[in-house]
C-alpha atoms as a PDB file:
ATOM      1  CA  UNK A   1     -38.381 -42.280  72.620  1.00  0.00           C
ATOM      2  CA  UNK A   2     -39.343 -44.895  70.045  1.00  0.00           C
ATOM      3  CA  UNK A   3     -39.947 -42.240  67.380  1.00  0.00           C
ATOM      4  CA  UNK A   4     -36.581 -40.624  68.062  1.00  0.00           C
ATOM      5  CA  UNK A   5     -34.746 -43.932  67.743  1.00  0.00           C
ATOM      6  CA  UNK A   6     -36.579 -44.761  64.512  1.00  0.00           C
ATOM      7  CA  UNK A   7     -35.778 -41.333  63.052  1.00  0.00           C
ATOM      8  CA  UNK A   8     -32.113 -41.700  63.975  1.00  0.00           C
ATOM      9  CA  UNK A   9     -31.918 -45.148  62.402  1.00  0.00           C
ATOM     10  CA  UNK A  10     -33.637 -43.973  59.217  1.00  0.00           C
ATOM     11  CA  UNK A  11     -31.280 -40.992  58.988  1.00  0.00           C
ATOM     12  CA  UNK A  12     -28.232 -43.205  59.447  1.00  0.00           C
ATOM     13  CA  UNK A  13     -29.396 -45.592  56.710  1.00  0.00           C
ATOM     14  CA  UNK A  14     -30.040 -42.694  54.311  1.00  0.00           C
ATOM     15  CA  UNK A  15     -26.626 -41.156  54.982  1.00  0.00           C
ATOM     16  CA  UNK A  16     -24.918 -44.521  54.465  1.00  0.00           C
ATOM     17  CA  UNK A  17     -26.742 -45.097  51.169  1.00  0.00           C
ATOM     18  CA  UNK A  18     -25.872 -41.644  49.880  1.00  0.00           C
ATOM     19  CA  UNK A  19     -22.259 -42.041  50.960  1.00  0.00           C
ATOM     20  CA  UNK A  20     -21.907 -45.336  49.125  1.00  0.00           C
ATOM     21  CA  UNK A  21     -23.455 -43.973  45.947  1.00  0.00           C
ATOM     22  CA  UNK A  22     -21.027 -41.040  46.021  1.00  0.00           C
ATOM     23  CA  UNK A  23     -18.127 -43.494  45.814  1.00  0.00           C
ATOM     24  CA  UNK A  24     -19.245 -45.127  42.559  1.00  0.00           C
ATOM     25  CA  UNK A  25     -16.794 -43.154  40.401  1.00  0.00           C
ATOM     26  CA  UNK A  26     -13.816 -43.583  42.715  1.00  0.00           C
ATOM     27  CA  UNK A  27     -10.854 -45.825  42.028  1.00  0.00           C
ATOM     28  CA  UNK A  28     -10.050 -48.720  44.332  1.00  0.00           C
ATOM     29  CA  UNK A  29      -7.125 -46.795  45.792  1.00  0.00           C
ATOM     30  CA  UNK A  30      -9.390 -43.802  46.531  1.00  0.00           C
ATOM     31  CA  UNK A  31     -11.915 -46.051  48.256  1.00  0.00           C
ATOM     32  CA  UNK A  32      -9.182 -47.694  50.337  1.00  0.00           C
ATOM     33  CA  UNK A  33      -7.905 -44.259  51.360  1.00  0.00           C
ATOM     34  CA  UNK A  34     -11.376 -43.181  52.427  1.00  0.00           C
ATOM     35  CA  UNK A  35     -11.991 -46.371  54.389  1.00  0.00           C
ATOM     36  CA  UNK A  36      -8.582 -46.109  56.046  1.00  0.00           C
ATOM     37  CA  UNK A  37      -9.250 -42.504  57.009  1.00  0.00           C
ATOM     38  CA  UNK A  38     -12.560 -43.387  58.643  1.00  0.00           C
ATOM     39  CA  UNK A  39     -11.198 -46.415  60.443  1.00  0.00           C
ATOM     40  CA  UNK A  40      -8.127 -44.495  61.596  1.00  0.00           C
ATOM     41  CA  UNK A  41     -10.245 -41.630  62.923  1.00  0.00           C
ATOM     42  CA  UNK A  42     -12.397 -44.008  64.933  1.00  0.00           C
ATOM     43  CA  UNK A  43      -9.395 -45.928  66.248  1.00  0.00           C
ATOM     44  CA  UNK A  44      -7.528 -42.739  67.134  1.00  0.00           C
ATOM     45  CA  UNK A  45     -10.541 -41.372  68.961  1.00  0.00           C
ATOM     46  CA  UNK A  46     -11.073 -44.580  70.924  1.00  0.00           C
ATOM     47  CA  UNK A  47      -7.416 -45.014  71.838  1.00  0.00           C
ATOM     48  CA  UNK A  48      -7.011 -41.420  73.053  1.00  0.00           C
ATOM     49  CA  UNK A  49     -10.348 -41.118  74.841  1.00  0.00           C
ATOM     50  CA  UNK A  50     -11.913 -38.755  72.292  1.00  0.00           C
ATOM     51  CA  UNK A  51      -8.963 -36.404  71.908  1.00  0.00           C
ATOM     52  CA  UNK A  52      -9.178 -34.212  68.806  1.00  0.00           C
ATOM     53  CA  UNK A  53      -5.479 -34.632  68.119  1.00  0.00           C
ATOM     54  CA  UNK A  54      -5.790 -38.408  68.418  1.00  0.00           C
ATOM     55  CA  UNK A  55      -8.742 -38.465  66.035  1.00  0.00           C
ATOM     56  CA  UNK A  56      -7.005 -36.317  63.427  1.00  0.00           C
ATOM     57  CA  UNK A  57      -3.750 -38.236  63.803  1.00  0.00           C
ATOM     58  CA  UNK A  58      -5.548 -41.555  63.464  1.00  0.00           C
ATOM     59  CA  UNK A  59      -7.343 -40.312  60.352  1.00  0.00           C
ATOM     60  CA  UNK A  60      -4.049 -39.201  58.804  1.00  0.00           C
ATOM     61  CA  UNK A  61      -2.288 -42.481  59.534  1.00  0.00           C
ATOM     62  CA  UNK A  62      -5.291 -44.558  58.446  1.00  0.00           C
ATOM     63  CA  UNK A  63      -5.628 -42.610  55.209  1.00  0.00           C
ATOM     64  CA  UNK A  64      -1.949 -43.107  54.418  1.00  0.00           C
ATOM     65  CA  UNK A  65      -2.112 -46.840  55.140  1.00  0.00           C
ATOM     66  CA  UNK A  66      -5.313 -47.208  53.110  1.00  0.00           C
ATOM     67  CA  UNK A  67      -3.693 -45.379  50.208  1.00  0.00           C
ATOM     68  CA  UNK A  68      -0.605 -47.599  50.256  1.00  0.00           C
ATOM     69  CA  UNK A  69      -2.437 -50.939  50.518  1.00  0.00           C
ATOM     70  CA  UNK A  70      -2.942 -51.449  46.783  1.00  0.00           C
ATOM     71  CA  UNK A  71       0.436 -50.190  45.544  1.00  0.00           C
ATOM     72  CA  UNK A  72       2.896 -52.786  44.342  1.00  0.00           C
END
């Protein structure tokens, strides 16, 4: 049990580090869109009890909002 938890934590840290390094060449607007998409997907999933349609809809709305945040 302890080994499994440690392996999961290590994997999550590695994935997070690789994900952040992949964003180094992105513009601020691109980063905001990506963050909005992730946050919207999580929120949509939570609000609809894990519904696929809710997750996809939340990701779409979150991505749009994240994209529009920096525009003047």
